Amino acid sequence: MASRIEPALIVLDIQLPAMDGHEVARRFKQQPETSDIPIVAVTSYAMNKDREQILASGCEGYIEKPINPASFASELERYLPASAAPNGHEP
């Protein structure tokens, strides 16, 4: 689906039922159609080791749960390519 719709950003939970988010991120990064799409993990895993594993799996960013609804969108905007950021500017 991501290769078909070409999103500007993928927000990925790490705790998924069938395949964990680490594997999902690795698969996205292995595919030429999706390898350039930034991935931001949103997870309750909060240890330094967890963050390192998330980034090593191919995610560009990491946001801990619980999220702050007031700042969540602006946190995600940091990972958008300049062309996809609001008003075409880098956040």
Protein backbone atom coordinates (compact mmCIF):
# COMPACT_ATOMS: atom_id res chain seq x y z
CA MET A 1 0.00 0.00 0.00
CA ALA A 2 2.82 2.44 0.88
CA SER A 3 4.47 1.94 -2.50
CA ARG A 4 1.17 2.66 -4.21
CA ILE A 5 0.17 5.82 -2.34
CA GLU A 6 3.71 7.11 -1.66
CA PRO A 7 3.14 8.75 1.74
CA ALA A 8 5.45 11.55 2.87
CA LEU A 9 5.89 9.83 6.25
CA ILE A 10 5.10 6.50 7.90
CA VAL A 11 4.12 6.46 11.58
CA LEU A 12 4.78 2.97 12.87
CA ASP A 13 3.87 1.25 16.11
CA ILE A 14 6.55 -1.22 17.22
CA GLN A 15 4.17 -3.58 19.03
CA LEU A 16 2.18 -5.17 16.21
CA PRO A 17 0.35 -8.51 16.40
CA ALA A 18 1.67 -10.51 13.43
CA MET A 19 5.02 -8.87 12.66
CA ASP A 20 6.81 -6.44 14.96
CA GLY A 21 7.54 -2.90 13.86
CA HIS A 22 11.27 -3.59 13.60
CA GLU A 23 10.64 -6.09 10.82
CA VAL A 24 8.11 -3.81 9.13
CA ALA A 25 10.66 -0.97 9.08
CA ARG A 26 13.39 -3.26 7.72
CA ARG A 27 11.10 -4.42 4.92
CA PHE A 28 10.14 -0.86 3.99
CA LYS A 29 13.82 0.12 3.83
CA GLN A 30 14.71 -2.92 1.68
CA GLN A 31 12.18 -2.03 -1.01
CA PRO A 32 13.30 0.63 -3.54
CA GLU A 33 9.75 2.06 -3.73
CA THR A 34 9.59 2.75 0.01
CA SER A 35 13.22 3.03 1.12
CA ASP A 36 13.22 6.85 1.04
CA ILE A 37 10.01 7.30 3.05
CA PRO A 38 10.86 8.47 6.59
CA ILE A 39 9.56 6.18 9.33
CA VAL A 40 8.82 7.40 12.85
CA ALA A 41 8.25 4.77 15.51
CA VAL A 42 5.67 5.50 18.18
CA THR A 43 6.10 3.12 21.08
CA SER A 44 5.96 2.58 24.81
CA TYR A 45 9.44 1.04 24.70
CA ALA A 46 11.55 3.65 26.48
CA MET A 47 14.93 2.11 27.29
CA ASN A 48 18.09 3.32 25.49
CA LYS A 49 18.55 -0.18 24.06
CA ASP A 50 15.00 -0.05 22.63
CA ARG A 51 15.67 3.31 20.96
CA GLU A 52 18.91 2.01 19.44
CA GLN A 53 17.13 -1.08 18.07
CA ILE A 54 14.35 1.03 16.59
CA LEU A 55 16.79 3.33 14.80
CA ALA A 56 18.90 0.36 13.68
CA SER A 57 15.83 -1.25 12.10
CA GLY A 58 15.51 1.73 9.75
CA CYS A 59 13.33 4.25 11.56
CA GLU A 60 14.46 7.85 11.29
CA GLY A 61 12.72 8.88 14.46
CA TYR A 62 11.23 7.71 17.71
CA ILE A 63 8.39 9.14 19.81
CA GLU A 64 7.57 7.64 23.19
CA LYS A 65 4.05 6.85 24.34
CA PRO A 66 2.06 8.28 25.85
CA ILE A 67 2.12 10.96 23.19
CA ASN A 68 1.37 14.58 23.91
CA PRO A 69 -1.57 15.47 21.61
CA ALA A 70 -0.63 19.16 21.71
CA SER A 71 2.85 18.56 20.26
CA PHE A 72 2.50 15.27 18.35
CA ALA A 73 1.92 16.84 14.92
CA SER A 74 4.87 19.20 15.27
CA GLU A 75 7.08 16.34 16.44
CA LEU A 76 6.16 14.39 13.29
CA GLU A 77 6.72 17.41 11.04
CA ARG A 78 10.43 17.33 11.93
CA TYR A 79 10.74 14.15 9.89
CA LEU A 80 8.87 15.31 6.79
CA PRO A 81 10.90 16.12 3.69
CA ALA A 82 10.98 19.88 3.07
CA SER A 83 8.69 19.48 0.03
CA ALA A 84 6.03 17.79 2.19
CA ALA A 85 6.28 20.07 5.21
CA PRO A 86 3.52 22.64 5.73
CA ASN A 87 4.07 25.62 3.42
CA GLY A 88 6.97 23.76 1.76
CA HIS A 89 9.37 24.82 4.53
CA GLU A 90 11.48 22.64 6.72
CA PRO A 91 9.95 22.47 10.21
